[in-house]
C-alpha atoms as a PDB file:
ATOM      1  CA  MET A   1       8.503  15.708  15.744  1.00  0.00           C
ATOM      2  CA  GLU A   2      11.068  18.982  15.892  1.00  0.00           C
ATOM      3  CA  LYS A   3      13.622  19.174  13.238  1.00  0.00           C
ATOM      4  CA  LEU A   4      16.546  16.838  14.733  1.00  0.00           C
ATOM      5  CA  THR A   5      20.010  16.574  13.533  1.00  0.00           C
ATOM      6  CA  PHE A   6      21.276  13.286  12.768  1.00  0.00           C
ATOM      7  CA  GLU A   7      23.210  12.928  15.975  1.00  0.00           C
ATOM      8  CA  GLN A   8      20.182  14.369  18.210  1.00  0.00           C
ATOM      9  CA  ALA A   9      17.869  11.746  16.445  1.00  0.00           C
ATOM     10  CA  LEU A  10      20.340   8.990  16.816  1.00  0.00           C
ATOM     11  CA  MET A  11      21.042  10.040  20.851  1.00  0.00           C
ATOM     12  CA  LYS A  12      17.103   9.882  21.107  1.00  0.00           C
ATOM     13  CA  LEU A  13      16.657   6.703  19.599  1.00  0.00           C
ATOM     14  CA  GLU A  14      19.179   4.965  21.863  1.00  0.00           C
ATOM     15  CA  GLU A  15      17.852   6.500  25.012  1.00  0.00           C
ATOM     16  CA  VAL A  16      13.852   4.792  23.723  1.00  0.00           C
ATOM     17  CA  VAL A  17      16.006   1.578  22.997  1.00  0.00           C
ATOM     18  CA  LYS A  18      17.868   1.762  26.809  1.00  0.00           C
ATOM     19  CA  LYS A  19      14.125   2.349  28.213  1.00  0.00           C
ATOM     20  CA  LEU A  20      12.857  -0.655  26.122  1.00  0.00           C
ATOM     21  CA  GLU A  21      15.433  -3.036  27.504  1.00  0.00           C
ATOM     22  CA  ASN A  22      13.770  -2.329  31.102  1.00  0.00           C
ATOM     23  CA  LYS A  23      11.551  -5.249  31.196  1.00  0.00           C
ATOM     24  CA  GLN A  24       9.984  -3.281  34.213  1.00  0.00           C
ATOM     25  CA  ILE A  25       8.088  -0.818  32.332  1.00  0.00           C
ATOM     26  CA  PRO A  26       4.096  -0.846  31.652  1.00  0.00           C
ATOM     27  CA  LEU A  27       2.817  -2.094  28.334  1.00  0.00           C
ATOM     28  CA  ASP A  28       1.249   1.201  27.569  1.00  0.00           C
ATOM     29  CA  GLU A  29       4.694   2.934  28.330  1.00  0.00           C
ATOM     30  CA  ALA A  30       6.503   0.147  25.961  1.00  0.00           C
ATOM     31  CA  VAL A  31       4.351   0.823  23.044  1.00  0.00           C
ATOM     32  CA  LYS A  32       4.614   4.561  23.439  1.00  0.00           C
ATOM     33  CA  LEU A  33       8.238   4.362  23.557  1.00  0.00           C
ATOM     34  CA  TYR A  34       8.218   1.610  20.417  1.00  0.00           C
ATOM     35  CA  ASN A  35       6.241   4.000  18.460  1.00  0.00           C
ATOM     36  CA  GLU A  36       8.309   6.908  19.158  1.00  0.00           C
ATOM     37  CA  GLY A  37      11.427   4.868  18.161  1.00  0.00           C
ATOM     38  CA  LEU A  38      10.045   3.959  14.867  1.00  0.00           C
ATOM     39  CA  GLU A  39       9.599   7.632  14.123  1.00  0.00           C
ATOM     40  CA  LEU A  40      13.277   8.661  15.110  1.00  0.00           C
ATOM     41  CA  SER A  41      14.562   5.577  13.258  1.00  0.00           C
ATOM     42  CA  LYS A  42      12.469   7.212  10.443  1.00  0.00           C
ATOM     43  CA  VAL A  43      13.920  10.358  11.054  1.00  0.00           C
ATOM     44  CA  CYS A  44      17.595   8.899  10.938  1.00  0.00           C
ATOM     45  CA  TYR A  45      16.764   6.952   7.769  1.00  0.00           C
ATOM     46  CA  GLU A  46      15.787  10.299   5.776  1.00  0.00           C
ATOM     47  CA  LEU A  47      18.667  12.142   6.940  1.00  0.00           C
ATOM     48  CA  LEU A  48      21.055   9.673   6.102  1.00  0.00           C
ATOM     49  CA  LYS A  49      19.138   9.481   2.189  1.00  0.00           C
ATOM     50  CA  GLU A  50      19.347  13.222   2.242  1.00  0.00           C
ATOM     51  CA  ALA A  51      23.393  12.957   2.935  1.00  0.00           C
ATOM     52  CA  GLU A  52      23.739  10.190   0.041  1.00  0.00           C
ATOM     53  CA  THR A  53      21.890  12.183  -2.059  1.00  0.00           C
ATOM     54  CA  LEU A  54      24.096  15.241  -1.536  1.00  0.00           C
ATOM     55  CA  ILE A  55      27.190  12.748  -1.762  1.00  0.00           C
ATOM     56  CA  VAL A  56      26.113  11.414  -5.131  1.00  0.00           C
ATOM     57  CA  ASN A  57      25.229  14.679  -6.665  1.00  0.00           C
ATOM     58  CA  THR A  58      28.580  16.354  -5.359  1.00  0.00           C
ATOM     59  CA  GLU A  59      30.635  13.325  -7.303  1.00  0.00           C
ATOM     60  CA  GLU A  60      28.742  13.759 -10.679  1.00  0.00           C
END
């Protein structure tokens, strides 16, 4: 997955969620989207942890 900003990853994650909410998508596509969503959520989490670390280190 290419390097994304937090905002880009979150926007893509929101798009994936909207697609998954469509109950008409085939199972194989839903599984693919689910896995993509997991990866995007990991990216968001890691970027938030990095930001938290920067803030904590700045406060010290």
